Amino acid sequence: MKRKRKVKKTSFKLIIILLILVFVVIPFTILKMTEDGQYYVEDLSTSEVQASYKHYIFASLKMDATDSKYTCIKMKMVKYYDLNQES
């Protein structure tokens, strides 16, 4: 007489952990790795900074969403110093 093998069921906790990993951890890590400066959305008519972002795409979306025609994106220049360089 042969016994039937039991089929393992995937646990609910494992599925939740995998979903969190795929939809939260991996996108957050990708966004942190692709930061490329500090972008400011500025209204030129009032010289007021409306928002600041670390990704150009988010700044451009904010600029498109504003009502004013006179908005621009400015990038903050960051200087990097080599601490190992002898002066």
PDB file of N, CA and C in Angstrom:
ATOM      1  N   MET A   1       0.820  -1.180   0.000  1.00  0.00           N
ATOM      2  CA  MET A   1       0.000   0.000   0.000  1.00  0.00           C
ATOM      3  C   MET A   1       0.872   1.254   0.000  1.00  0.00           C
ATOM      4  N   LYS A   2       0.636   2.151  -0.944  1.00  0.00           N
ATOM      5  CA  LYS A   2       1.406   3.374  -1.041  1.00  0.00           C
ATOM      6  C   LYS A   2       0.736   4.494  -0.267  1.00  0.00           C
ATOM      7  N   ARG A   3       1.588   5.273   0.347  1.00  0.00           N
ATOM      8  CA  ARG A   3       1.074   6.452   1.044  1.00  0.00           C
ATOM      9  C   ARG A   3       1.135   7.662   0.111  1.00  0.00           C
ATOM     10  N   LYS A   4       0.169   8.527   0.268  1.00  0.00           N
ATOM     11  CA  LYS A   4       0.187   9.758  -0.525  1.00  0.00           C
ATOM     12  C   LYS A   4       1.077  10.783   0.180  1.00  0.00           C
ATOM     13  N   ARG A   5       1.848  11.486  -0.642  1.00  0.00           N
ATOM     14  CA  ARG A   5       2.709  12.535  -0.068  1.00  0.00           C
ATOM     15  C   ARG A   5       1.874  13.750   0.283  1.00  0.00           C
ATOM     16  N   LYS A   6       2.223  14.351   1.386  1.00  0.00           N
ATOM     17  CA  LYS A   6       1.534  15.569   1.785  1.00  0.00           C
ATOM     18  C   LYS A   6       2.085  16.742   0.983  1.00  0.00           C
ATOM     19  N   VAL A   7       1.212  17.566   0.515  1.00  0.00           N
ATOM     20  CA  VAL A   7       1.611  18.754  -0.234  1.00  0.00           C
ATOM     21  C   VAL A   7       1.813  19.884   0.771  1.00  0.00           C
ATOM     22  N   LYS A   8       3.000  20.502   0.709  1.00  0.00           N
ATOM     23  CA  LYS A   8       3.268  21.599   1.632  1.00  0.00           C
ATOM     24  C   LYS A   8       2.520  22.845   1.181  1.00  0.00           C
ATOM     25  N   LYS A   9       1.882  23.488   2.113  1.00  0.00           N
ATOM     26  CA  LYS A   9       1.182  24.733   1.819  1.00  0.00           C
ATOM     27  C   LYS A   9       2.085  25.894   2.211  1.00  0.00           C
ATOM     28  N   THR A  10       2.106  26.913   1.363  1.00  0.00           N
ATOM     29  CA  THR A  10       2.890  28.095   1.711  1.00  0.00           C
ATOM     30  C   THR A  10       2.145  28.857   2.798  1.00  0.00           C
ATOM     31  N   SER A  11       2.892  29.321   3.743  1.00  0.00           N
ATOM     32  CA  SER A  11       2.257  29.979   4.871  1.00  0.00           C
ATOM     33  C   SER A  11       1.854  31.406   4.511  1.00  0.00           C
ATOM     34  N   PHE A  12       0.863  31.881   5.186  1.00  0.00           N
ATOM     35  CA  PHE A  12       0.356  33.232   4.995  1.00  0.00           C
ATOM     36  C   PHE A  12       1.409  34.272   5.368  1.00  0.00           C
ATOM     37  N   LYS A  13       2.178  33.999   6.410  1.00  0.00           N
ATOM     38  CA  LYS A  13       3.224  34.921   6.851  1.00  0.00           C
ATOM     39  C   LYS A  13       4.316  35.078   5.788  1.00  0.00           C
ATOM     40  N   LEU A  14       4.671  33.994   5.152  1.00  0.00           N
ATOM     41  CA  LEU A  14       5.685  34.041   4.106  1.00  0.00           C
ATOM     42  C   LEU A  14       5.225  34.897   2.929  1.00  0.00           C
ATOM     43  N   ILE A  15       3.975  34.764   2.552  1.00  0.00           N
ATOM     44  CA  ILE A  15       3.429  35.558   1.458  1.00  0.00           C
ATOM     45  C   ILE A  15       3.424  37.039   1.818  1.00  0.00           C
ATOM     46  N   ILE A  16       3.036  37.382   3.045  1.00  0.00           N
ATOM     47  CA  ILE A  16       3.032  38.779   3.496  1.00  0.00           C
ATOM     48  C   ILE A  16       4.448  39.342   3.498  1.00  0.00           C
ATOM     49  N   ILE A  17       5.402  38.588   3.977  1.00  0.00           N
ATOM     50  CA  ILE A  17       6.797  39.041   4.006  1.00  0.00           C
ATOM     51  C   ILE A  17       7.319  39.289   2.595  1.00  0.00           C
ATOM     52  N   LEU A  18       7.018  38.403   1.679  1.00  0.00           N
ATOM     53  CA  LEU A  18       7.451  38.574   0.290  1.00  0.00           C
ATOM     54  C   LEU A  18       6.786  39.788  -0.359  1.00  0.00           C
ATOM     55  N   LEU A  19       5.514  40.014  -0.080  1.00  0.00           N
ATOM     56  CA  LEU A  19       4.826  41.188  -0.626  1.00  0.00           C
ATOM     57  C   LEU A  19       5.421  42.488  -0.103  1.00  0.00           C
ATOM     58  N   ILE A  20       5.735  42.525   1.188  1.00  0.00           N
ATOM     59  CA  ILE A  20       6.370  43.715   1.765  1.00  0.00           C
ATOM     60  C   ILE A  20       7.737  43.935   1.138  1.00  0.00           C
ATOM     61  N   LEU A  21       8.466  42.877   0.948  1.00  0.00           N
ATOM     62  CA  LEU A  21       9.792  42.983   0.331  1.00  0.00           C
ATOM     63  C   LEU A  21       9.692  43.535  -1.087  1.00  0.00           C
ATOM     64  N   VAL A  22       8.765  43.017  -1.863  1.00  0.00           N
ATOM     65  CA  VAL A  22       8.644  43.421  -3.263  1.00  0.00           C
ATOM     66  C   VAL A  22       8.099  44.841  -3.412  1.00  0.00           C
ATOM     67  N   PHE A  23       7.117  45.228  -2.614  1.00  0.00           N
ATOM     68  CA  PHE A  23       6.456  46.514  -2.803  1.00  0.00           C
ATOM     69  C   PHE A  23       6.968  47.632  -1.912  1.00  0.00           C
ATOM     70  N   VAL A  24       7.802  47.345  -0.911  1.00  0.00           N
ATOM     71  CA  VAL A  24       8.291  48.399  -0.021  1.00  0.00           C
ATOM     72  C   VAL A  24       9.815  48.460  -0.008  1.00  0.00           C
ATOM     73  N   VAL A  25      10.457  47.398   0.358  1.00  0.00           N
ATOM     74  CA  VAL A  25      11.898  47.412   0.586  1.00  0.00           C
ATOM     75  C   VAL A  25      12.678  47.613  -0.713  1.00  0.00           C
ATOM     76  N   ILE A  26      12.354  46.861  -1.736  1.00  0.00           N
ATOM     77  CA  ILE A  26      13.103  46.962  -2.997  1.00  0.00           C
ATOM     78  C   ILE A  26      12.923  48.334  -3.664  1.00  0.00           C
ATOM     79  N   PRO A  27      11.692  48.876  -3.798  1.00  0.00           N
ATOM     80  CA  PRO A  27      11.577  50.220  -4.380  1.00  0.00           C
ATOM     81  C   PRO A  27      12.275  51.294  -3.550  1.00  0.00           C
ATOM     82  N   PHE A  28      12.193  51.208  -2.220  1.00  0.00           N
ATOM     83  CA  PHE A  28      12.868  52.188  -1.376  1.00  0.00           C
ATOM     84  C   PHE A  28      14.379  52.130  -1.582  1.00  0.00           C
ATOM     85  N   THR A  29      14.918  50.934  -1.663  1.00  0.00           N
ATOM     86  CA  THR A  29      16.355  50.771  -1.886  1.00  0.00           C
ATOM     87  C   THR A  29      16.768  51.334  -3.238  1.00  0.00           C
ATOM     88  N   ILE A  30      15.980  51.090  -4.253  1.00  0.00           N
ATOM     89  CA  ILE A  30      16.292  51.626  -5.585  1.00  0.00           C
ATOM     90  C   ILE A  30      16.248  53.147  -5.569  1.00  0.00           C
ATOM     91  N   LEU A  31      15.262  53.729  -4.904  1.00  0.00           N
ATOM     92  CA  LEU A  31      15.191  55.189  -4.823  1.00  0.00           C
ATOM     93  C   LEU A  31      16.380  55.768  -4.071  1.00  0.00           C
ATOM     94  N   LYS A  32      16.801  55.127  -3.002  1.00  0.00           N
ATOM     95  CA  LYS A  32      17.956  55.628  -2.250  1.00  0.00           C
ATOM     96  C   LYS A  32      19.239  55.524  -3.066  1.00  0.00           C
ATOM     97  N   MET A  33      19.354  54.488  -3.876  1.00  0.00           N
ATOM     98  CA  MET A  33      20.563  54.311  -4.676  1.00  0.00           C
ATOM     99  C   MET A  33      20.636  55.293  -5.839  1.00  0.00           C
ATOM    100  N   THR A  34      19.493  55.785  -6.295  1.00  0.00           N
ATOM    101  CA  THR A  34      19.483  56.650  -7.463  1.00  0.00           C
ATOM    102  C   THR A  34      19.349  58.127  -7.127  1.00  0.00           C
ATOM    103  N   GLU A  35      19.510  58.503  -5.867  1.00  0.00           N
ATOM    104  CA  GLU A  35      19.482  59.925  -5.523  1.00  0.00           C
ATOM    105  C   GLU A  35      20.634  60.620  -6.219  1.00  0.00           C
ATOM    106  N   ASP A  36      20.339  61.753  -6.837  1.00  0.00           N
ATOM    107  CA  ASP A  36      21.383  62.417  -7.609  1.00  0.00           C
ATOM    108  C   ASP A  36      21.433  63.920  -7.378  1.00  0.00           C
ATOM    109  N   GLY A  37      21.176  64.363  -6.187  1.00  0.00           N
ATOM    110  CA  GLY A  37      21.293  65.783  -5.882  1.00  0.00           C
ATOM    111  C   GLY A  37      20.060  66.291  -5.165  1.00  0.00           C
ATOM    112  N   GLN A  38      19.997  67.599  -5.022  1.00  0.00           N
ATOM    113  CA  GLN A  38      18.865  68.248  -4.377  1.00  0.00           C
ATOM    114  C   GLN A  38      18.245  69.208  -5.386  1.00  0.00           C
ATOM    115  N   TYR A  39      16.992  68.992  -5.731  1.00  0.00           N
ATOM    116  CA  TYR A  39      16.294  69.811  -6.714  1.00  0.00           C
ATOM    117  C   TYR A  39      15.223  70.637  -6.017  1.00  0.00           C
ATOM    118  N   TYR A  40      15.174  71.912  -6.360  1.00  0.00           N
ATOM    119  CA  TYR A  40      14.194  72.829  -5.778  1.00  0.00           C
ATOM    120  C   TYR A  40      13.250  73.303  -6.867  1.00  0.00           C
ATOM    121  N   VAL A  41      11.949  73.253  -6.596  1.00  0.00           N
ATOM    122  CA  VAL A  41      10.946  73.806  -7.502  1.00  0.00           C
ATOM    123  C   VAL A  41      10.670  75.218  -6.996  1.00  0.00           C
ATOM    124  N   GLU A  42      11.012  76.210  -7.809  1.00  0.00           N
ATOM    125  CA  GLU A  42      10.924  77.600  -7.385  1.00  0.00           C
ATOM    126  C   GLU A  42       9.966  78.364  -8.285  1.00  0.00           C
ATOM    127  N   ASP A  43       9.130  79.186  -7.666  1.00  0.00           N
ATOM    128  CA  ASP A  43       8.233  80.062  -8.402  1.00  0.00           C
ATOM    129  C   ASP A  43       8.985  81.370  -8.653  1.00  0.00           C
ATOM    130  N   LEU A  44       9.249  81.691  -9.908  1.00  0.00           N
ATOM    131  CA  LEU A  44      10.055  82.860 -10.239  1.00  0.00           C
ATOM    132  C   LEU A  44       9.323  84.167 -10.002  1.00  0.00           C
ATOM    133  N   SER A  45       7.992  84.169 -10.035  1.00  0.00           N
ATOM    134  CA  SER A  45       7.253  85.403  -9.818  1.00  0.00           C
ATOM    135  C   SER A  45       7.314  85.856  -8.367  1.00  0.00           C
ATOM    136  N   THR A  46       7.449  84.912  -7.432  1.00  0.00           N
ATOM    137  CA  THR A  46       7.513  85.280  -6.015  1.00  0.00           C
ATOM    138  C   THR A  46       8.853  84.935  -5.379  1.00  0.00           C
ATOM    139  N   SER A  47       9.743  84.322  -6.120  1.00  0.00           N
ATOM    140  CA  SER A  47      11.046  83.844  -5.618  1.00  0.00           C
ATOM    141  C   SER A  47      10.886  82.951  -4.389  1.00  0.00           C
ATOM    142  N   GLU A  48       9.882  82.129  -4.428  1.00  0.00           N
ATOM    143  CA  GLU A  48       9.577  81.246  -3.302  1.00  0.00           C
ATOM    144  C   GLU A  48       9.830  79.800  -3.703  1.00  0.00           C
ATOM    145  N   VAL A  49      10.536  79.075  -2.851  1.00  0.00           N
ATOM    146  CA  VAL A  49      10.763  77.646  -3.091  1.00  0.00           C
ATOM    147  C   VAL A  49       9.509  76.896  -2.669  1.00  0.00           C
ATOM    148  N   GLN A  50       8.934  76.180  -3.610  1.00  0.00           N
ATOM    149  CA  GLN A  50       7.695  75.459  -3.318  1.00  0.00           C
ATOM    150  C   GLN A  50       7.946  74.071  -2.759  1.00  0.00           C
ATOM    151  N   ALA A  51       9.000  73.422  -3.214  1.00  0.00           N
ATOM    152  CA  ALA A  51       9.293  72.065  -2.736  1.00  0.00           C
ATOM    153  C   ALA A  51      10.732  71.726  -3.065  1.00  0.00           C
ATOM    154  N   SER A  52      11.258  70.728  -2.384  1.00  0.00           N
ATOM    155  CA  SER A  52      12.600  70.231  -2.699  1.00  0.00           C
ATOM    156  C   SER A  52      12.550  68.703  -2.748  1.00  0.00           C
ATOM    157  N   TYR A  53      13.281  68.150  -3.718  1.00  0.00           N
ATOM    158  CA  TYR A  53      13.277  66.713  -3.940  1.00  0.00           C
ATOM    159  C   TYR A  53      14.697  66.237  -4.207  1.00  0.00           C
ATOM    160  N   LYS A  54      14.930  64.958  -4.009  1.00  0.00           N
ATOM    161  CA  LYS A  54      16.243  64.372  -4.291  1.00  0.00           C
ATOM    162  C   LYS A  54      16.278  63.666  -5.633  1.00  0.00           C
ATOM    163  N   HIS A  55      15.159  63.644  -6.347  1.00  0.00           N
ATOM    164  CA  HIS A  55      15.083  63.045  -7.677  1.00  0.00           C
ATOM    165  C   HIS A  55      14.484  64.061  -8.636  1.00  0.00           C
ATOM    166  N   TYR A  56      15.063  64.164  -9.825  1.00  0.00           N
ATOM    167  CA  TYR A  56      14.601  65.127 -10.812  1.00  0.00           C
ATOM    168  C   TYR A  56      13.174  64.828 -11.267  1.00  0.00           C
ATOM    169  N   ILE A  57      12.824  63.565 -11.386  1.00  0.00           N
ATOM    170  CA  ILE A  57      11.497  63.205 -11.889  1.00  0.00           C
ATOM    171  C   ILE A  57      10.404  63.699 -10.955  1.00  0.00           C
ATOM    172  N   PHE A  58      10.622  63.631  -9.643  1.00  0.00           N
ATOM    173  CA  PHE A  58       9.621  64.121  -8.698  1.00  0.00           C
ATOM    174  C   PHE A  58       9.506  65.638  -8.762  1.00  0.00           C
ATOM    175  N   ALA A  59      10.638  66.324  -8.950  1.00  0.00           N
ATOM    176  CA  ALA A  59      10.608  67.780  -9.075  1.00  0.00           C
ATOM    177  C   ALA A  59       9.871  68.195 -10.342  1.00  0.00           C
ATOM    178  N   SER A  60      10.072  67.475 -11.429  1.00  0.00           N
ATOM    179  CA  SER A  60       9.386  67.831 -12.671  1.00  0.00           C
ATOM    180  C   SER A  60       7.885  67.563 -12.567  1.00  0.00           C
ATOM    181  N   LEU A  61       7.490  66.518 -11.849  1.00  0.00           N
ATOM    182  CA  LEU A  61       6.066  66.266 -11.630  1.00  0.00           C
ATOM    183  C   LEU A  61       5.433  67.371 -10.799  1.00  0.00           C
ATOM    184  N   LYS A  62       6.150  67.859  -9.795  1.00  0.00           N
ATOM    185  CA  LYS A  62       5.647  68.961  -8.973  1.00  0.00           C
ATOM    186  C   LYS A  62       5.546  70.237  -9.797  1.00  0.00           C
ATOM    187  N   MET A  63       6.543  70.488 -10.651  1.00  0.00           N
ATOM    188  CA  MET A  63       6.520  71.681 -11.478  1.00  0.00           C
ATOM    189  C   MET A  63       5.332  71.639 -12.451  1.00  0.00           C
ATOM    190  N   ASP A  64       5.043  70.481 -12.997  1.00  0.00           N
ATOM    191  CA  ASP A  64       3.900  70.346 -13.900  1.00  0.00           C
ATOM    192  C   ASP A  64       2.572  70.518 -13.172  1.00  0.00           C
ATOM    193  N   ALA A  65       2.533  70.194 -11.896  1.00  0.00           N
ATOM    194  CA  ALA A  65       1.292  70.274 -11.127  1.00  0.00           C
ATOM    195  C   ALA A  65       0.994  71.683 -10.622  1.00  0.00           C
ATOM    196  N   THR A  66       1.971  72.569 -10.637  1.00  0.00           N
ATOM    197  CA  THR A  66       1.733  73.926 -10.132  1.00  0.00           C
ATOM    198  C   THR A  66       0.926  74.731 -11.134  1.00  0.00           C
ATOM    199  N   ASP A  67       0.229  75.741 -10.637  1.00  0.00           N
ATOM    200  CA  ASP A  67      -0.625  76.576 -11.481  1.00  0.00           C
ATOM    201  C   ASP A  67       0.155  77.676 -12.193  1.00  0.00           C
ATOM    202  N   SER A  68       1.266  78.075 -11.625  1.00  0.00           N
ATOM    203  CA  SER A  68       2.017  79.202 -12.163  1.00  0.00           C
ATOM    204  C   SER A  68       2.776  78.814 -13.424  1.00  0.00           C
ATOM    205  N   LYS A  69       2.882  79.764 -14.354  1.00  0.00           N
ATOM    206  CA  LYS A  69       3.659  79.553 -15.576  1.00  0.00           C
ATOM    207  C   LYS A  69       5.145  79.737 -15.315  1.00  0.00           C
ATOM    208  N   TYR A  70       5.461  80.472 -14.280  1.00  0.00           N
ATOM    209  CA  TYR A  70       6.848  80.886 -14.033  1.00  0.00           C
ATOM    210  C   TYR A  70       7.508  80.037 -12.952  1.00  0.00           C
ATOM    211  N   THR A  71       7.540  78.754 -13.154  1.00  0.00           N
ATOM    212  CA  THR A  71       8.237  77.875 -12.217  1.00  0.00           C
ATOM    213  C   THR A  71       9.437  77.254 -12.913  1.00  0.00           C
ATOM    214  N   CYS A  72      10.446  76.967 -12.122  1.00  0.00           N
ATOM    215  CA  CYS A  72      11.630  76.321 -12.667  1.00  0.00           C
ATOM    216  C   CYS A  72      12.192  75.349 -11.637  1.00  0.00           C
ATOM    217  N   ILE A  73      13.112  74.537 -12.090  1.00  0.00           N
ATOM    218  CA  ILE A  73      13.786  73.585 -11.214  1.00  0.00           C
ATOM    219  C   ILE A  73      15.235  74.022 -11.097  1.00  0.00           C
ATOM    220  N   LYS A  74      15.682  74.196  -9.864  1.00  0.00           N
ATOM    221  CA  LYS A  74      17.074  74.549  -9.621  1.00  0.00           C
ATOM    222  C   LYS A  74      17.743  73.405  -8.879  1.00  0.00           C
ATOM    223  N   MET A  75      18.986  73.163  -9.248  1.00  0.00           N
ATOM    224  CA  MET A  75      19.740  72.093  -8.595  1.00  0.00           C
ATOM    225  C   MET A  75      20.774  72.704  -7.671  1.00  0.00           C
ATOM    226  N   LYS A  76      20.819  72.210  -6.463  1.00  0.00           N
ATOM    227  CA  LYS A  76      21.822  72.664  -5.512  1.00  0.00           C
ATOM    228  C   LYS A  76      23.134  71.964  -5.838  1.00  0.00           C
ATOM    229  N   MET A  77      24.162  72.745  -6.004  1.00  0.00           N
ATOM    230  CA  MET A  77      25.467  72.181  -6.307  1.00  0.00           C
ATOM    231  C   MET A  77      26.137  71.744  -5.003  1.00  0.00           C
ATOM    232  N   VAL A  78      26.630  70.541  -4.997  1.00  0.00           N
ATOM    233  CA  VAL A  78      27.297  69.984  -3.821  1.00  0.00           C
ATOM    234  C   VAL A  78      28.767  69.807  -4.161  1.00  0.00           C
ATOM    235  N   LYS A  79      29.608  70.337  -3.301  1.00  0.00           N
ATOM    236  CA  LYS A  79      31.045  70.180  -3.512  1.00  0.00           C
ATOM    237  C   LYS A  79      31.538  69.011  -2.676  1.00  0.00           C
ATOM    238  N   TYR A  80      32.339  68.178  -3.293  1.00  0.00           N
ATOM    239  CA  TYR A  80      32.933  67.045  -2.609  1.00  0.00           C
ATOM    240  C   TYR A  80      34.420  67.330  -2.426  1.00  0.00           C
ATOM    241  N   TYR A  81      34.891  67.128  -1.236  1.00  0.00           N
ATOM    242  CA  TYR A  81      36.300  67.354  -0.941  1.00  0.00           C
ATOM    243  C   TYR A  81      36.977  66.015  -0.689  1.00  0.00           C
ATOM    244  N   ASP A  82      38.162  65.885  -1.231  1.00  0.00           N
ATOM    245  CA  ASP A  82      38.953  64.683  -1.014  1.00  0.00           C
ATOM    246  C   ASP A  82      39.767  64.886   0.259  1.00  0.00           C
ATOM    247  N   LEU A  83      39.446  64.161   1.300  1.00  0.00           N
ATOM    248  CA  LEU A  83      40.107  64.331   2.579  1.00  0.00           C
ATOM    249  C   LEU A  83      41.500  63.718   2.584  1.00  0.00           C
ATOM    250  N   ASN A  84      41.769  62.837   1.635  1.00  0.00           N
ATOM    251  CA  ASN A  84      43.067  62.179   1.572  1.00  0.00           C
ATOM    252  C   ASN A  84      44.097  62.987   0.780  1.00  0.00           C
ATOM    253  N   GLN A  85      43.627  64.041   0.136  1.00  0.00           N
ATOM    254  CA  GLN A  85      44.538  64.848  -0.673  1.00  0.00           C
ATOM    255  C   GLN A  85      45.420  65.706   0.221  1.00  0.00           C
ATOM    256  N   GLU A  86      46.710  65.726  -0.097  1.00  0.00           N
ATOM    257  CA  GLU A  86      47.635  66.537   0.695  1.00  0.00           C
ATOM    258  C   GLU A  86      47.638  67.961   0.166  1.00  0.00           C
ATOM    259  N   SER A  87      47.596  68.922   1.091  1.00  0.00           N
ATOM    260  CA  SER A  87      47.602  70.335   0.690  1.00  0.00           C
ATOM    261  C   SER A  87      48.943  70.969   0.949  1.00  0.00           C
TER     262      SER A  87
END
